[in-house]
Amino acid sequence: MKATLYSKGAKAVITHSLRKLCEELGVNLKLIAAAKVLDQYYLSGRYPDALPDGAPFETFTETQARDAFRDAKLFIAHAVRWMKS
């Protein structure tokens, strides 16, 4: 999403929030909803000790991982389309 904003002329993109990036791009509500979910994984994915009760593999379920992967692929597909337009 950051690369998409830069390709559209943004000078500085300082947030890591997919939701905020999506809002700046004016994407559809389905992507914003997915962004809100993926934002919840950011800290624990980057800092494995961010969760109070164990590592991410002990906290998240396989279903959550599959859903997050599906949503991430959705973002990549949209980013590729946006960058080409």
C-alpha atoms as a PDB file:
ATOM      1  CA  MET A   1       0.000   0.000   0.000  1.00  0.00           C
ATOM      2  CA  LYS A   2       2.866   2.330   0.754  1.00  0.00           C
ATOM      3  CA  ALA A   3       4.392   1.650  -2.661  1.00  0.00           C
ATOM      4  CA  THR A   4       1.029   2.363  -4.243  1.00  0.00           C
ATOM      5  CA  LEU A   5       0.818   5.709  -2.476  1.00  0.00           C
ATOM      6  CA  TYR A   6       4.362   6.579  -3.541  1.00  0.00           C
ATOM      7  CA  SER A   7       3.548   5.617  -7.131  1.00  0.00           C
ATOM      8  CA  LYS A   8       0.628   8.028  -6.988  1.00  0.00           C
ATOM      9  CA  GLY A   9       2.892  10.893  -5.917  1.00  0.00           C
ATOM     10  CA  ALA A  10       2.954  10.738  -2.121  1.00  0.00           C
ATOM     11  CA  LYS A  11       6.069  12.356  -0.647  1.00  0.00           C
ATOM     12  CA  ALA A  12       6.123  10.767   2.821  1.00  0.00           C
ATOM     13  CA  VAL A  13       4.155   7.786   4.057  1.00  0.00           C
ATOM     14  CA  ILE A  14       4.944   7.219   7.725  1.00  0.00           C
ATOM     15  CA  THR A  15       2.196   4.926   9.003  1.00  0.00           C
ATOM     16  CA  HIS A  16       2.269   1.131   9.192  1.00  0.00           C
ATOM     17  CA  SER A  17      -1.527   0.897   9.482  1.00  0.00           C
ATOM     18  CA  LEU A  18      -3.068  -0.785   6.462  1.00  0.00           C
ATOM     19  CA  ARG A  19      -6.381   0.799   7.378  1.00  0.00           C
ATOM     20  CA  LYS A  20      -4.921   4.300   7.239  1.00  0.00           C
ATOM     21  CA  LEU A  21      -3.106   3.542   4.000  1.00  0.00           C
ATOM     22  CA  CYS A  22      -6.329   2.204   2.481  1.00  0.00           C
ATOM     23  CA  GLU A  23      -8.266   5.255   3.590  1.00  0.00           C
ATOM     24  CA  GLU A  24      -5.652   7.496   1.949  1.00  0.00           C
ATOM     25  CA  LEU A  25      -6.035   5.491  -1.262  1.00  0.00           C
ATOM     26  CA  GLY A  26      -9.837   5.625  -1.084  1.00  0.00           C
ATOM     27  CA  VAL A  27     -10.293   1.873  -1.439  1.00  0.00           C
ATOM     28  CA  ASN A  28     -13.530  -0.049  -1.055  1.00  0.00           C
ATOM     29  CA  LEU A  29     -14.979  -1.032   2.299  1.00  0.00           C
ATOM     30  CA  LYS A  30     -14.125  -4.727   1.825  1.00  0.00           C
ATOM     31  CA  LEU A  31     -10.418  -3.892   1.736  1.00  0.00           C
ATOM     32  CA  ILE A  32     -10.724  -1.529   4.692  1.00  0.00           C
ATOM     33  CA  ALA A  33     -12.402  -4.299   6.697  1.00  0.00           C
ATOM     34  CA  ALA A  34      -9.572  -6.694   5.778  1.00  0.00           C
ATOM     35  CA  ALA A  35      -7.020  -4.007   6.671  1.00  0.00           C
ATOM     36  CA  LYS A  36      -8.498  -3.633  10.141  1.00  0.00           C
ATOM     37  CA  VAL A  37      -8.020  -7.355  10.747  1.00  0.00           C
ATOM     38  CA  LEU A  38      -4.484  -7.454   9.340  1.00  0.00           C
ATOM     39  CA  ASP A  39      -3.492  -4.430  11.419  1.00  0.00           C
ATOM     40  CA  GLN A  40      -4.112  -6.562  14.515  1.00  0.00           C
ATOM     41  CA  TYR A  41      -1.302  -8.917  13.464  1.00  0.00           C
ATOM     42  CA  TYR A  42       1.319  -6.229  12.836  1.00  0.00           C
ATOM     43  CA  LEU A  43       2.925  -5.975  16.272  1.00  0.00           C
ATOM     44  CA  SER A  44       2.930  -9.678  17.055  1.00  0.00           C
ATOM     45  CA  GLY A  45       4.317 -10.476  13.615  1.00  0.00           C
ATOM     46  CA  ARG A  46       7.147  -8.011  13.968  1.00  0.00           C
ATOM     47  CA  TYR A  47       7.763  -8.430  17.697  1.00  0.00           C
ATOM     48  CA  PRO A  48       7.108 -12.037  18.754  1.00  0.00           C
ATOM     49  CA  ASP A  49       7.128 -11.060  22.440  1.00  0.00           C
ATOM     50  CA  ALA A  50       4.383  -8.434  21.931  1.00  0.00           C
ATOM     51  CA  LEU A  51       1.626 -10.779  23.082  1.00  0.00           C
ATOM     52  CA  PRO A  52       1.136 -11.059  26.837  1.00  0.00           C
ATOM     53  CA  ASP A  53       0.639 -14.803  26.915  1.00  0.00           C
ATOM     54  CA  GLY A  54       3.130 -16.466  24.599  1.00  0.00           C
ATOM     55  CA  ALA A  55       4.413 -16.452  21.078  1.00  0.00           C
ATOM     56  CA  PRO A  56       2.109 -15.863  18.089  1.00  0.00           C
ATOM     57  CA  PHE A  57       2.075 -19.562  17.170  1.00  0.00           C
ATOM     58  CA  GLU A  58       0.640 -20.285  20.629  1.00  0.00           C
ATOM     59  CA  THR A  59      -2.062 -17.629  20.325  1.00  0.00           C
ATOM     60  CA  PHE A  60      -3.324 -17.519  16.752  1.00  0.00           C
ATOM     61  CA  THR A  61      -5.284 -20.331  15.165  1.00  0.00           C
ATOM     62  CA  GLU A  62      -4.719 -21.966  11.805  1.00  0.00           C
ATOM     63  CA  THR A  63      -8.002 -20.460  10.626  1.00  0.00           C
ATOM     64  CA  GLN A  64      -6.794 -16.965  11.535  1.00  0.00           C
ATOM     65  CA  ALA A  65      -3.549 -17.584   9.667  1.00  0.00           C
ATOM     66  CA  ARG A  66      -5.392 -18.797   6.569  1.00  0.00           C
ATOM     67  CA  ASP A  67      -7.769 -15.828   6.664  1.00  0.00           C
ATOM     68  CA  ALA A  68      -4.886 -13.380   7.074  1.00  0.00           C
ATOM     69  CA  PHE A  69      -3.018 -14.991   4.187  1.00  0.00           C
ATOM     70  CA  ARG A  70      -6.125 -14.774   1.990  1.00  0.00           C
ATOM     71  CA  ASP A  71      -6.548 -11.088   2.869  1.00  0.00           C
ATOM     72  CA  ALA A  72      -2.872 -10.367   2.253  1.00  0.00           C
ATOM     73  CA  LYS A  73      -3.133 -11.888  -1.228  1.00  0.00           C
ATOM     74  CA  LEU A  74      -6.147  -9.651  -1.853  1.00  0.00           C
ATOM     75  CA  PHE A  75      -4.031  -6.597  -1.034  1.00  0.00           C
ATOM     76  CA  ILE A  76      -1.237  -7.716  -3.316  1.00  0.00           C
ATOM     77  CA  ALA A  77      -3.655  -8.228  -6.207  1.00  0.00           C
ATOM     78  CA  HIS A  78      -5.177  -4.780  -5.697  1.00  0.00           C
ATOM     79  CA  ALA A  79      -1.761  -3.148  -5.355  1.00  0.00           C
ATOM     80  CA  VAL A  80      -0.609  -4.658  -8.639  1.00  0.00           C
ATOM     81  CA  ARG A  81      -3.742  -3.315 -10.364  1.00  0.00           C
ATOM     82  CA  TRP A  82      -3.356   0.150  -8.783  1.00  0.00           C
ATOM     83  CA  MET A  83       0.305   0.363  -9.750  1.00  0.00           C
ATOM     84  CA  LYS A  84      -0.535  -0.460 -13.377  1.00  0.00           C
ATOM     85  CA  SER A  85      -3.233   2.196 -13.599  1.00  0.00           C
END
